[in-house]
Amino acid sequence: LIQGAGGGGLGPSEQAILADTFEP
């Protein structure tokens, strides 16, 4: 349960980081 909570924030954060890091 705790592992799922930690893992739940990884995918959205990475996608947002990529969207900000790279030009459109």
PDBML (XML) file of the C-alpha atoms, coordinates in Angstrom:
<?xml version="1.0" encoding="UTF-8" ?>
<PDBx:datablock datablockName="MODEL"
   xmlns:PDBx="http://pdbml.pdb.org/schema/pdbx-v50.xsd"
   xmlns:xsi="http://www.w3.org/2001/XMLSchema-instance"
   xsi:schemaLocation="http://pdbml.pdb.org/schema/pdbx-v50.xsd pdbx-v50.xsd">
   <PDBx:atom_siteCategory>
      <PDBx:atom_site id="1">
         <PDBx:B_iso_or_equiv>0.00</PDBx:B_iso_or_equiv>
         <PDBx:Cartn_x>0.000</PDBx:Cartn_x>
         <PDBx:Cartn_y>0.000</PDBx:Cartn_y>
         <PDBx:Cartn_z>0.000</PDBx:Cartn_z>
         <PDBx:auth_asym_id>A</PDBx:auth_asym_id>
         <PDBx:auth_atom_id>CA</PDBx:auth_atom_id>
         <PDBx:auth_comp_id>LEU</PDBx:auth_comp_id>
         <PDBx:auth_seq_id>1</PDBx:auth_seq_id>
         <PDBx:group_PDB>ATOM</PDBx:group_PDB>
         <PDBx:label_alt_id xsi:nil="true" />
         <PDBx:label_asym_id>A</PDBx:label_asym_id>
         <PDBx:label_atom_id>CA</PDBx:label_atom_id>
         <PDBx:label_comp_id>LEU</PDBx:label_comp_id>
         <PDBx:label_entity_id>1</PDBx:label_entity_id>
         <PDBx:label_seq_id>1</PDBx:label_seq_id>
         <PDBx:occupancy>1.00</PDBx:occupancy>
         <PDBx:pdbx_PDB_model_num>1</PDBx:pdbx_PDB_model_num>
         <PDBx:type_symbol>C</PDBx:type_symbol>
      </PDBx:atom_site>
      <PDBx:atom_site id="2">
         <PDBx:B_iso_or_equiv>0.00</PDBx:B_iso_or_equiv>
         <PDBx:Cartn_x>2.827</PDBx:Cartn_x>
         <PDBx:Cartn_y>2.391</PDBx:Cartn_y>
         <PDBx:Cartn_z>0.934</PDBx:Cartn_z>
         <PDBx:auth_asym_id>A</PDBx:auth_asym_id>
         <PDBx:auth_atom_id>CA</PDBx:auth_atom_id>
         <PDBx:auth_comp_id>ILE</PDBx:auth_comp_id>
         <PDBx:auth_seq_id>2</PDBx:auth_seq_id>
         <PDBx:group_PDB>ATOM</PDBx:group_PDB>
         <PDBx:label_alt_id xsi:nil="true" />
         <PDBx:label_asym_id>A</PDBx:label_asym_id>
         <PDBx:label_atom_id>CA</PDBx:label_atom_id>
         <PDBx:label_comp_id>ILE</PDBx:label_comp_id>
         <PDBx:label_entity_id>1</PDBx:label_entity_id>
         <PDBx:label_seq_id>2</PDBx:label_seq_id>
         <PDBx:occupancy>1.00</PDBx:occupancy>
         <PDBx:pdbx_PDB_model_num>1</PDBx:pdbx_PDB_model_num>
         <PDBx:type_symbol>C</PDBx:type_symbol>
      </PDBx:atom_site>
      <PDBx:atom_site id="3">
         <PDBx:B_iso_or_equiv>0.00</PDBx:B_iso_or_equiv>
         <PDBx:Cartn_x>4.801</PDBx:Cartn_x>
         <PDBx:Cartn_y>1.344</PDBx:Cartn_y>
         <PDBx:Cartn_z>-2.147</PDBx:Cartn_z>
         <PDBx:auth_asym_id>A</PDBx:auth_asym_id>
         <PDBx:auth_atom_id>CA</PDBx:auth_atom_id>
         <PDBx:auth_comp_id>GLN</PDBx:auth_comp_id>
         <PDBx:auth_seq_id>3</PDBx:auth_seq_id>
         <PDBx:group_PDB>ATOM</PDBx:group_PDB>
         <PDBx:label_alt_id xsi:nil="true" />
         <PDBx:label_asym_id>A</PDBx:label_asym_id>
         <PDBx:label_atom_id>CA</PDBx:label_atom_id>
         <PDBx:label_comp_id>GLN</PDBx:label_comp_id>
         <PDBx:label_entity_id>1</PDBx:label_entity_id>
         <PDBx:label_seq_id>3</PDBx:label_seq_id>
         <PDBx:occupancy>1.00</PDBx:occupancy>
         <PDBx:pdbx_PDB_model_num>1</PDBx:pdbx_PDB_model_num>
         <PDBx:type_symbol>C</PDBx:type_symbol>
      </PDBx:atom_site>
      <PDBx:atom_site id="4">
         <PDBx:B_iso_or_equiv>0.00</PDBx:B_iso_or_equiv>
         <PDBx:Cartn_x>1.792</PDBx:Cartn_x>
         <PDBx:Cartn_y>2.151</PDBx:Cartn_y>
         <PDBx:Cartn_z>-4.359</PDBx:Cartn_z>
         <PDBx:auth_asym_id>A</PDBx:auth_asym_id>
         <PDBx:auth_atom_id>CA</PDBx:auth_atom_id>
         <PDBx:auth_comp_id>GLY</PDBx:auth_comp_id>
         <PDBx:auth_seq_id>4</PDBx:auth_seq_id>
         <PDBx:group_PDB>ATOM</PDBx:group_PDB>
         <PDBx:label_alt_id xsi:nil="true" />
         <PDBx:label_asym_id>A</PDBx:label_asym_id>
         <PDBx:label_atom_id>CA</PDBx:label_atom_id>
         <PDBx:label_comp_id>GLY</PDBx:label_comp_id>
         <PDBx:label_entity_id>1</PDBx:label_entity_id>
         <PDBx:label_seq_id>4</PDBx:label_seq_id>
         <PDBx:occupancy>1.00</PDBx:occupancy>
         <PDBx:pdbx_PDB_model_num>1</PDBx:pdbx_PDB_model_num>
         <PDBx:type_symbol>C</PDBx:type_symbol>
      </PDBx:atom_site>
      <PDBx:atom_site id="5">
         <PDBx:B_iso_or_equiv>0.00</PDBx:B_iso_or_equiv>
         <PDBx:Cartn_x>1.502</PDBx:Cartn_x>
         <PDBx:Cartn_y>5.602</PDBx:Cartn_y>
         <PDBx:Cartn_z>-2.776</PDBx:Cartn_z>
         <PDBx:auth_asym_id>A</PDBx:auth_asym_id>
         <PDBx:auth_atom_id>CA</PDBx:auth_atom_id>
         <PDBx:auth_comp_id>ALA</PDBx:auth_comp_id>
         <PDBx:auth_seq_id>5</PDBx:auth_seq_id>
         <PDBx:group_PDB>ATOM</PDBx:group_PDB>
         <PDBx:label_alt_id xsi:nil="true" />
         <PDBx:label_asym_id>A</PDBx:label_asym_id>
         <PDBx:label_atom_id>CA</PDBx:label_atom_id>
         <PDBx:label_comp_id>ALA</PDBx:label_comp_id>
         <PDBx:label_entity_id>1</PDBx:label_entity_id>
         <PDBx:label_seq_id>5</PDBx:label_seq_id>
         <PDBx:occupancy>1.00</PDBx:occupancy>
         <PDBx:pdbx_PDB_model_num>1</PDBx:pdbx_PDB_model_num>
         <PDBx:type_symbol>C</PDBx:type_symbol>
      </PDBx:atom_site>
      <PDBx:atom_site id="6">
         <PDBx:B_iso_or_equiv>0.00</PDBx:B_iso_or_equiv>
         <PDBx:Cartn_x>5.188</PDBx:Cartn_x>
         <PDBx:Cartn_y>6.306</PDBx:Cartn_y>
         <PDBx:Cartn_z>-3.465</PDBx:Cartn_z>
         <PDBx:auth_asym_id>A</PDBx:auth_asym_id>
         <PDBx:auth_atom_id>CA</PDBx:auth_atom_id>
         <PDBx:auth_comp_id>GLY</PDBx:auth_comp_id>
         <PDBx:auth_seq_id>6</PDBx:auth_seq_id>
         <PDBx:group_PDB>ATOM</PDBx:group_PDB>
         <PDBx:label_alt_id xsi:nil="true" />
         <PDBx:label_asym_id>A</PDBx:label_asym_id>
         <PDBx:label_atom_id>CA</PDBx:label_atom_id>
         <PDBx:label_comp_id>GLY</PDBx:label_comp_id>
         <PDBx:label_entity_id>1</PDBx:label_entity_id>
         <PDBx:label_seq_id>6</PDBx:label_seq_id>
         <PDBx:occupancy>1.00</PDBx:occupancy>
         <PDBx:pdbx_PDB_model_num>1</PDBx:pdbx_PDB_model_num>
         <PDBx:type_symbol>C</PDBx:type_symbol>
      </PDBx:atom_site>
      <PDBx:atom_site id="7">
         <PDBx:B_iso_or_equiv>0.00</PDBx:B_iso_or_equiv>
         <PDBx:Cartn_x>4.993</PDBx:Cartn_x>
         <PDBx:Cartn_y>4.955</PDBx:Cartn_y>
         <PDBx:Cartn_z>-7.004</PDBx:Cartn_z>
         <PDBx:auth_asym_id>A</PDBx:auth_asym_id>
         <PDBx:auth_atom_id>CA</PDBx:auth_atom_id>
         <PDBx:auth_comp_id>GLY</PDBx:auth_comp_id>
         <PDBx:auth_seq_id>7</PDBx:auth_seq_id>
         <PDBx:group_PDB>ATOM</PDBx:group_PDB>
         <PDBx:label_alt_id xsi:nil="true" />
         <PDBx:label_asym_id>A</PDBx:label_asym_id>
         <PDBx:label_atom_id>CA</PDBx:label_atom_id>
         <PDBx:label_comp_id>GLY</PDBx:label_comp_id>
         <PDBx:label_entity_id>1</PDBx:label_entity_id>
         <PDBx:label_seq_id>7</PDBx:label_seq_id>
         <PDBx:occupancy>1.00</PDBx:occupancy>
         <PDBx:pdbx_PDB_model_num>1</PDBx:pdbx_PDB_model_num>
         <PDBx:type_symbol>C</PDBx:type_symbol>
      </PDBx:atom_site>
      <PDBx:atom_site id="8">
         <PDBx:B_iso_or_equiv>0.00</PDBx:B_iso_or_equiv>
         <PDBx:Cartn_x>1.845</PDBx:Cartn_x>
         <PDBx:Cartn_y>6.929</PDBx:Cartn_y>
         <PDBx:Cartn_z>-7.833</PDBx:Cartn_z>
         <PDBx:auth_asym_id>A</PDBx:auth_asym_id>
         <PDBx:auth_atom_id>CA</PDBx:auth_atom_id>
         <PDBx:auth_comp_id>GLY</PDBx:auth_comp_id>
         <PDBx:auth_seq_id>8</PDBx:auth_seq_id>
         <PDBx:group_PDB>ATOM</PDBx:group_PDB>
         <PDBx:label_alt_id xsi:nil="true" />
         <PDBx:label_asym_id>A</PDBx:label_asym_id>
         <PDBx:label_atom_id>CA</PDBx:label_atom_id>
         <PDBx:label_comp_id>GLY</PDBx:label_comp_id>
         <PDBx:label_entity_id>1</PDBx:label_entity_id>
         <PDBx:label_seq_id>8</PDBx:label_seq_id>
         <PDBx:occupancy>1.00</PDBx:occupancy>
         <PDBx:pdbx_PDB_model_num>1</PDBx:pdbx_PDB_model_num>
         <PDBx:type_symbol>C</PDBx:type_symbol>
      </PDBx:atom_site>
      <PDBx:atom_site id="9">
         <PDBx:B_iso_or_equiv>0.00</PDBx:B_iso_or_equiv>
         <PDBx:Cartn_x>3.729</PDBx:Cartn_x>
         <PDBx:Cartn_y>10.224</PDBx:Cartn_y>
         <PDBx:Cartn_z>-7.940</PDBx:Cartn_z>
         <PDBx:auth_asym_id>A</PDBx:auth_asym_id>
         <PDBx:auth_atom_id>CA</PDBx:auth_atom_id>
         <PDBx:auth_comp_id>GLY</PDBx:auth_comp_id>
         <PDBx:auth_seq_id>9</PDBx:auth_seq_id>
         <PDBx:group_PDB>ATOM</PDBx:group_PDB>
         <PDBx:label_alt_id xsi:nil="true" />
         <PDBx:label_asym_id>A</PDBx:label_asym_id>
         <PDBx:label_atom_id>CA</PDBx:label_atom_id>
         <PDBx:label_comp_id>GLY</PDBx:label_comp_id>
         <PDBx:label_entity_id>1</PDBx:label_entity_id>
         <PDBx:label_seq_id>9</PDBx:label_seq_id>
         <PDBx:occupancy>1.00</PDBx:occupancy>
         <PDBx:pdbx_PDB_model_num>1</PDBx:pdbx_PDB_model_num>
         <PDBx:type_symbol>C</PDBx:type_symbol>
      </PDBx:atom_site>
      <PDBx:atom_site id="10">
         <PDBx:B_iso_or_equiv>0.00</PDBx:B_iso_or_equiv>
         <PDBx:Cartn_x>6.612</PDBx:Cartn_x>
         <PDBx:Cartn_y>9.086</PDBx:Cartn_y>
         <PDBx:Cartn_z>-10.153</PDBx:Cartn_z>
         <PDBx:auth_asym_id>A</PDBx:auth_asym_id>
         <PDBx:auth_atom_id>CA</PDBx:auth_atom_id>
         <PDBx:auth_comp_id>LEU</PDBx:auth_comp_id>
         <PDBx:auth_seq_id>10</PDBx:auth_seq_id>
         <PDBx:group_PDB>ATOM</PDBx:group_PDB>
         <PDBx:label_alt_id xsi:nil="true" />
         <PDBx:label_asym_id>A</PDBx:label_asym_id>
         <PDBx:label_atom_id>CA</PDBx:label_atom_id>
         <PDBx:label_comp_id>LEU</PDBx:label_comp_id>
         <PDBx:label_entity_id>1</PDBx:label_entity_id>
         <PDBx:label_seq_id>10</PDBx:label_seq_id>
         <PDBx:occupancy>1.00</PDBx:occupancy>
         <PDBx:pdbx_PDB_model_num>1</PDBx:pdbx_PDB_model_num>
         <PDBx:type_symbol>C</PDBx:type_symbol>
      </PDBx:atom_site>
      <PDBx:atom_site id="11">
         <PDBx:B_iso_or_equiv>0.00</PDBx:B_iso_or_equiv>
         <PDBx:Cartn_x>4.965</PDBx:Cartn_x>
         <PDBx:Cartn_y>8.836</PDBx:Cartn_y>
         <PDBx:Cartn_z>-13.592</PDBx:Cartn_z>
         <PDBx:auth_asym_id>A</PDBx:auth_asym_id>
         <PDBx:auth_atom_id>CA</PDBx:auth_atom_id>
         <PDBx:auth_comp_id>GLY</PDBx:auth_comp_id>
         <PDBx:auth_seq_id>11</PDBx:auth_seq_id>
         <PDBx:group_PDB>ATOM</PDBx:group_PDB>
         <PDBx:label_alt_id xsi:nil="true" />
         <PDBx:label_asym_id>A</PDBx:label_asym_id>
         <PDBx:label_atom_id>CA</PDBx:label_atom_id>
         <PDBx:label_comp_id>GLY</PDBx:label_comp_id>
         <PDBx:label_entity_id>1</PDBx:label_entity_id>
         <PDBx:label_seq_id>11</PDBx:label_seq_id>
         <PDBx:occupancy>1.00</PDBx:occupancy>
         <PDBx:pdbx_PDB_model_num>1</PDBx:pdbx_PDB_model_num>
         <PDBx:type_symbol>C</PDBx:type_symbol>
      </PDBx:atom_site>
      <PDBx:atom_site id="12">
         <PDBx:B_iso_or_equiv>0.00</PDBx:B_iso_or_equiv>
         <PDBx:Cartn_x>3.088</PDBx:Cartn_x>
         <PDBx:Cartn_y>12.192</PDBx:Cartn_y>
         <PDBx:Cartn_z>-13.521</PDBx:Cartn_z>
         <PDBx:auth_asym_id>A</PDBx:auth_asym_id>
         <PDBx:auth_atom_id>CA</PDBx:auth_atom_id>
         <PDBx:auth_comp_id>PRO</PDBx:auth_comp_id>
         <PDBx:auth_seq_id>12</PDBx:auth_seq_id>
         <PDBx:group_PDB>ATOM</PDBx:group_PDB>
         <PDBx:label_alt_id xsi:nil="true" />
         <PDBx:label_asym_id>A</PDBx:label_asym_id>
         <PDBx:label_atom_id>CA</PDBx:label_atom_id>
         <PDBx:label_comp_id>PRO</PDBx:label_comp_id>
         <PDBx:label_entity_id>1</PDBx:label_entity_id>
         <PDBx:label_seq_id>12</PDBx:label_seq_id>
         <PDBx:occupancy>1.00</PDBx:occupancy>
         <PDBx:pdbx_PDB_model_num>1</PDBx:pdbx_PDB_model_num>
         <PDBx:type_symbol>C</PDBx:type_symbol>
      </PDBx:atom_site>
      <PDBx:atom_site id="13">
         <PDBx:B_iso_or_equiv>0.00</PDBx:B_iso_or_equiv>
         <PDBx:Cartn_x>6.145</PDBx:Cartn_x>
         <PDBx:Cartn_y>13.985</PDBx:Cartn_y>
         <PDBx:Cartn_z>-12.124</PDBx:Cartn_z>
         <PDBx:auth_asym_id>A</PDBx:auth_asym_id>
         <PDBx:auth_atom_id>CA</PDBx:auth_atom_id>
         <PDBx:auth_comp_id>SER</PDBx:auth_comp_id>
         <PDBx:auth_seq_id>13</PDBx:auth_seq_id>
         <PDBx:group_PDB>ATOM</PDBx:group_PDB>
         <PDBx:label_alt_id xsi:nil="true" />
         <PDBx:label_asym_id>A</PDBx:label_asym_id>
         <PDBx:label_atom_id>CA</PDBx:label_atom_id>
         <PDBx:label_comp_id>SER</PDBx:label_comp_id>
         <PDBx:label_entity_id>1</PDBx:label_entity_id>
         <PDBx:label_seq_id>13</PDBx:label_seq_id>
         <PDBx:occupancy>1.00</PDBx:occupancy>
         <PDBx:pdbx_PDB_model_num>1</PDBx:pdbx_PDB_model_num>
         <PDBx:type_symbol>C</PDBx:type_symbol>
      </PDBx:atom_site>
      <PDBx:atom_site id="14">
         <PDBx:B_iso_or_equiv>0.00</PDBx:B_iso_or_equiv>
         <PDBx:Cartn_x>8.422</PDBx:Cartn_x>
         <PDBx:Cartn_y>12.580</PDBx:Cartn_y>
         <PDBx:Cartn_z>-14.822</PDBx:Cartn_z>
         <PDBx:auth_asym_id>A</PDBx:auth_asym_id>
         <PDBx:auth_atom_id>CA</PDBx:auth_atom_id>
         <PDBx:auth_comp_id>GLU</PDBx:auth_comp_id>
         <PDBx:auth_seq_id>14</PDBx:auth_seq_id>
         <PDBx:group_PDB>ATOM</PDBx:group_PDB>
         <PDBx:label_alt_id xsi:nil="true" />
         <PDBx:label_asym_id>A</PDBx:label_asym_id>
         <PDBx:label_atom_id>CA</PDBx:label_atom_id>
         <PDBx:label_comp_id>GLU</PDBx:label_comp_id>
         <PDBx:label_entity_id>1</PDBx:label_entity_id>
         <PDBx:label_seq_id>14</PDBx:label_seq_id>
         <PDBx:occupancy>1.00</PDBx:occupancy>
         <PDBx:pdbx_PDB_model_num>1</PDBx:pdbx_PDB_model_num>
         <PDBx:type_symbol>C</PDBx:type_symbol>
      </PDBx:atom_site>
      <PDBx:atom_site id="15">
         <PDBx:B_iso_or_equiv>0.00</PDBx:B_iso_or_equiv>
         <PDBx:Cartn_x>6.046</PDBx:Cartn_x>
         <PDBx:Cartn_y>13.509</PDBx:Cartn_y>
         <PDBx:Cartn_z>-17.626</PDBx:Cartn_z>
         <PDBx:auth_asym_id>A</PDBx:auth_asym_id>
         <PDBx:auth_atom_id>CA</PDBx:auth_atom_id>
         <PDBx:auth_comp_id>GLN</PDBx:auth_comp_id>
         <PDBx:auth_seq_id>15</PDBx:auth_seq_id>
         <PDBx:group_PDB>ATOM</PDBx:group_PDB>
         <PDBx:label_alt_id xsi:nil="true" />
         <PDBx:label_asym_id>A</PDBx:label_asym_id>
         <PDBx:label_atom_id>CA</PDBx:label_atom_id>
         <PDBx:label_comp_id>GLN</PDBx:label_comp_id>
         <PDBx:label_entity_id>1</PDBx:label_entity_id>
         <PDBx:label_seq_id>15</PDBx:label_seq_id>
         <PDBx:occupancy>1.00</PDBx:occupancy>
         <PDBx:pdbx_PDB_model_num>1</PDBx:pdbx_PDB_model_num>
         <PDBx:type_symbol>C</PDBx:type_symbol>
      </PDBx:atom_site>
      <PDBx:atom_site id="16">
         <PDBx:B_iso_or_equiv>0.00</PDBx:B_iso_or_equiv>
         <PDBx:Cartn_x>5.709</PDBx:Cartn_x>
         <PDBx:Cartn_y>17.063</PDBx:Cartn_y>
         <PDBx:Cartn_z>-16.274</PDBx:Cartn_z>
         <PDBx:auth_asym_id>A</PDBx:auth_asym_id>
         <PDBx:auth_atom_id>CA</PDBx:auth_atom_id>
         <PDBx:auth_comp_id>ALA</PDBx:auth_comp_id>
         <PDBx:auth_seq_id>16</PDBx:auth_seq_id>
         <PDBx:group_PDB>ATOM</PDBx:group_PDB>
         <PDBx:label_alt_id xsi:nil="true" />
         <PDBx:label_asym_id>A</PDBx:label_asym_id>
         <PDBx:label_atom_id>CA</PDBx:label_atom_id>
         <PDBx:label_comp_id>ALA</PDBx:label_comp_id>
         <PDBx:label_entity_id>1</PDBx:label_entity_id>
         <PDBx:label_seq_id>16</PDBx:label_seq_id>
         <PDBx:occupancy>1.00</PDBx:occupancy>
         <PDBx:pdbx_PDB_model_num>1</PDBx:pdbx_PDB_model_num>
         <PDBx:type_symbol>C</PDBx:type_symbol>
      </PDBx:atom_site>
      <PDBx:atom_site id="17">
         <PDBx:B_iso_or_equiv>0.00</PDBx:B_iso_or_equiv>
         <PDBx:Cartn_x>9.513</PDBx:Cartn_x>
         <PDBx:Cartn_y>17.338</PDBx:Cartn_y>
         <PDBx:Cartn_z>-15.882</PDBx:Cartn_z>
         <PDBx:auth_asym_id>A</PDBx:auth_asym_id>
         <PDBx:auth_atom_id>CA</PDBx:auth_atom_id>
         <PDBx:auth_comp_id>ILE</PDBx:auth_comp_id>
         <PDBx:auth_seq_id>17</PDBx:auth_seq_id>
         <PDBx:group_PDB>ATOM</PDBx:group_PDB>
         <PDBx:label_alt_id xsi:nil="true" />
         <PDBx:label_asym_id>A</PDBx:label_asym_id>
         <PDBx:label_atom_id>CA</PDBx:label_atom_id>
         <PDBx:label_comp_id>ILE</PDBx:label_comp_id>
         <PDBx:label_entity_id>1</PDBx:label_entity_id>
         <PDBx:label_seq_id>17</PDBx:label_seq_id>
         <PDBx:occupancy>1.00</PDBx:occupancy>
         <PDBx:pdbx_PDB_model_num>1</PDBx:pdbx_PDB_model_num>
         <PDBx:type_symbol>C</PDBx:type_symbol>
      </PDBx:atom_site>
      <PDBx:atom_site id="18">
         <PDBx:B_iso_or_equiv>0.00</PDBx:B_iso_or_equiv>
         <PDBx:Cartn_x>9.977</PDBx:Cartn_x>
         <PDBx:Cartn_y>16.276</PDBx:Cartn_y>
         <PDBx:Cartn_z>-19.525</PDBx:Cartn_z>
         <PDBx:auth_asym_id>A</PDBx:auth_asym_id>
         <PDBx:auth_atom_id>CA</PDBx:auth_atom_id>
         <PDBx:auth_comp_id>LEU</PDBx:auth_comp_id>
         <PDBx:auth_seq_id>18</PDBx:auth_seq_id>
         <PDBx:group_PDB>ATOM</PDBx:group_PDB>
         <PDBx:label_alt_id xsi:nil="true" />
         <PDBx:label_asym_id>A</PDBx:label_asym_id>
         <PDBx:label_atom_id>CA</PDBx:label_atom_id>
         <PDBx:label_comp_id>LEU</PDBx:label_comp_id>
         <PDBx:label_entity_id>1</PDBx:label_entity_id>
         <PDBx:label_seq_id>18</PDBx:label_seq_id>
         <PDBx:occupancy>1.00</PDBx:occupancy>
         <PDBx:pdbx_PDB_model_num>1</PDBx:pdbx_PDB_model_num>
         <PDBx:type_symbol>C</PDBx:type_symbol>
      </PDBx:atom_site>
      <PDBx:atom_site id="19">
         <PDBx:B_iso_or_equiv>0.00</PDBx:B_iso_or_equiv>
         <PDBx:Cartn_x>7.297</PDBx:Cartn_x>
         <PDBx:Cartn_y>18.721</PDBx:Cartn_y>
         <PDBx:Cartn_z>-20.711</PDBx:Cartn_z>
         <PDBx:auth_asym_id>A</PDBx:auth_asym_id>
         <PDBx:auth_atom_id>CA</PDBx:auth_atom_id>
         <PDBx:auth_comp_id>ALA</PDBx:auth_comp_id>
         <PDBx:auth_seq_id>19</PDBx:auth_seq_id>
         <PDBx:group_PDB>ATOM</PDBx:group_PDB>
         <PDBx:label_alt_id xsi:nil="true" />
         <PDBx:label_asym_id>A</PDBx:label_asym_id>
         <PDBx:label_atom_id>CA</PDBx:label_atom_id>
         <PDBx:label_comp_id>ALA</PDBx:label_comp_id>
         <PDBx:label_entity_id>1</PDBx:label_entity_id>
         <PDBx:label_seq_id>19</PDBx:label_seq_id>
         <PDBx:occupancy>1.00</PDBx:occupancy>
         <PDBx:pdbx_PDB_model_num>1</PDBx:pdbx_PDB_model_num>
         <PDBx:type_symbol>C</PDBx:type_symbol>
      </PDBx:atom_site>
      <PDBx:atom_site id="20">
         <PDBx:B_iso_or_equiv>0.00</PDBx:B_iso_or_equiv>
         <PDBx:Cartn_x>9.097</PDBx:Cartn_x>
         <PDBx:Cartn_y>21.604</PDBx:Cartn_y>
         <PDBx:Cartn_z>-18.963</PDBx:Cartn_z>
         <PDBx:auth_asym_id>A</PDBx:auth_asym_id>
         <PDBx:auth_atom_id>CA</PDBx:auth_atom_id>
         <PDBx:auth_comp_id>ASP</PDBx:auth_comp_id>
         <PDBx:auth_seq_id>20</PDBx:auth_seq_id>
         <PDBx:group_PDB>ATOM</PDBx:group_PDB>
         <PDBx:label_alt_id xsi:nil="true" />
         <PDBx:label_asym_id>A</PDBx:label_asym_id>
         <PDBx:label_atom_id>CA</PDBx:label_atom_id>
         <PDBx:label_comp_id>ASP</PDBx:label_comp_id>
         <PDBx:label_entity_id>1</PDBx:label_entity_id>
         <PDBx:label_seq_id>20</PDBx:label_seq_id>
         <PDBx:occupancy>1.00</PDBx:occupancy>
         <PDBx:pdbx_PDB_model_num>1</PDBx:pdbx_PDB_model_num>
         <PDBx:type_symbol>C</PDBx:type_symbol>
      </PDBx:atom_site>
      <PDBx:atom_site id="21">
         <PDBx:B_iso_or_equiv>0.00</PDBx:B_iso_or_equiv>
         <PDBx:Cartn_x>12.658</PDBx:Cartn_x>
         <PDBx:Cartn_y>20.493</PDBx:Cartn_y>
         <PDBx:Cartn_z>-19.761</PDBx:Cartn_z>
         <PDBx:auth_asym_id>A</PDBx:auth_asym_id>
         <PDBx:auth_atom_id>CA</PDBx:auth_atom_id>
         <PDBx:auth_comp_id>THR</PDBx:auth_comp_id>
         <PDBx:auth_seq_id>21</PDBx:auth_seq_id>
         <PDBx:group_PDB>ATOM</PDBx:group_PDB>
         <PDBx:label_alt_id xsi:nil="true" />
         <PDBx:label_asym_id>A</PDBx:label_asym_id>
         <PDBx:label_atom_id>CA</PDBx:label_atom_id>
         <PDBx:label_comp_id>THR</PDBx:label_comp_id>
         <PDBx:label_entity_id>1</PDBx:label_entity_id>
         <PDBx:label_seq_id>21</PDBx:label_seq_id>
         <PDBx:occupancy>1.00</PDBx:occupancy>
         <PDBx:pdbx_PDB_model_num>1</PDBx:pdbx_PDB_model_num>
         <PDBx:type_symbol>C</PDBx:type_symbol>
      </PDBx:atom_site>
      <PDBx:atom_site id="22">
         <PDBx:B_iso_or_equiv>0.00</PDBx:B_iso_or_equiv>
         <PDBx:Cartn_x>12.192</PDBx:Cartn_x>
         <PDBx:Cartn_y>20.135</PDBx:Cartn_y>
         <PDBx:Cartn_z>-23.530</PDBx:Cartn_z>
         <PDBx:auth_asym_id>A</PDBx:auth_asym_id>
         <PDBx:auth_atom_id>CA</PDBx:auth_atom_id>
         <PDBx:auth_comp_id>PHE</PDBx:auth_comp_id>
         <PDBx:auth_seq_id>22</PDBx:auth_seq_id>
         <PDBx:group_PDB>ATOM</PDBx:group_PDB>
         <PDBx:label_alt_id xsi:nil="true" />
         <PDBx:label_asym_id>A</PDBx:label_asym_id>
         <PDBx:label_atom_id>CA</PDBx:label_atom_id>
         <PDBx:label_comp_id>PHE</PDBx:label_comp_id>
         <PDBx:label_entity_id>1</PDBx:label_entity_id>
         <PDBx:label_seq_id>22</PDBx:label_seq_id>
         <PDBx:occupancy>1.00</PDBx:occupancy>
         <PDBx:pdbx_PDB_model_num>1</PDBx:pdbx_PDB_model_num>
         <PDBx:type_symbol>C</PDBx:type_symbol>
      </PDBx:atom_site>
      <PDBx:atom_site id="23">
         <PDBx:B_iso_or_equiv>0.00</PDBx:B_iso_or_equiv>
         <PDBx:Cartn_x>10.961</PDBx:Cartn_x>
         <PDBx:Cartn_y>22.655</PDBx:Cartn_y>
         <PDBx:Cartn_z>-26.053</PDBx:Cartn_z>
         <PDBx:auth_asym_id>A</PDBx:auth_asym_id>
         <PDBx:auth_atom_id>CA</PDBx:auth_atom_id>
         <PDBx:auth_comp_id>GLU</PDBx:auth_comp_id>
         <PDBx:auth_seq_id>23</PDBx:auth_seq_id>
         <PDBx:group_PDB>ATOM</PDBx:group_PDB>
         <PDBx:label_alt_id xsi:nil="true" />
         <PDBx:label_asym_id>A</PDBx:label_asym_id>
         <PDBx:label_atom_id>CA</PDBx:label_atom_id>
         <PDBx:label_comp_id>GLU</PDBx:label_comp_id>
         <PDBx:label_entity_id>1</PDBx:label_entity_id>
         <PDBx:label_seq_id>23</PDBx:label_seq_id>
         <PDBx:occupancy>1.00</PDBx:occupancy>
         <PDBx:pdbx_PDB_model_num>1</PDBx:pdbx_PDB_model_num>
         <PDBx:type_symbol>C</PDBx:type_symbol>
      </PDBx:atom_site>
      <PDBx:atom_site id="24">
         <PDBx:B_iso_or_equiv>0.00</PDBx:B_iso_or_equiv>
         <PDBx:Cartn_x>7.508</PDBx:Cartn_x>
         <PDBx:Cartn_y>21.793</PDBx:Cartn_y>
         <PDBx:Cartn_z>-27.444</PDBx:Cartn_z>
         <PDBx:auth_asym_id>A</PDBx:auth_asym_id>
         <PDBx:auth_atom_id>CA</PDBx:auth_atom_id>
         <PDBx:auth_comp_id>PRO</PDBx:auth_comp_id>
         <PDBx:auth_seq_id>24</PDBx:auth_seq_id>
         <PDBx:group_PDB>ATOM</PDBx:group_PDB>
         <PDBx:label_alt_id xsi:nil="true" />
         <PDBx:label_asym_id>A</PDBx:label_asym_id>
         <PDBx:label_atom_id>CA</PDBx:label_atom_id>
         <PDBx:label_comp_id>PRO</PDBx:label_comp_id>
         <PDBx:label_entity_id>1</PDBx:label_entity_id>
         <PDBx:label_seq_id>24</PDBx:label_seq_id>
         <PDBx:occupancy>1.00</PDBx:occupancy>
         <PDBx:pdbx_PDB_model_num>1</PDBx:pdbx_PDB_model_num>
         <PDBx:type_symbol>C</PDBx:type_symbol>
      </PDBx:atom_site>
   </PDBx:atom_siteCategory>
</PDBx:datablock>
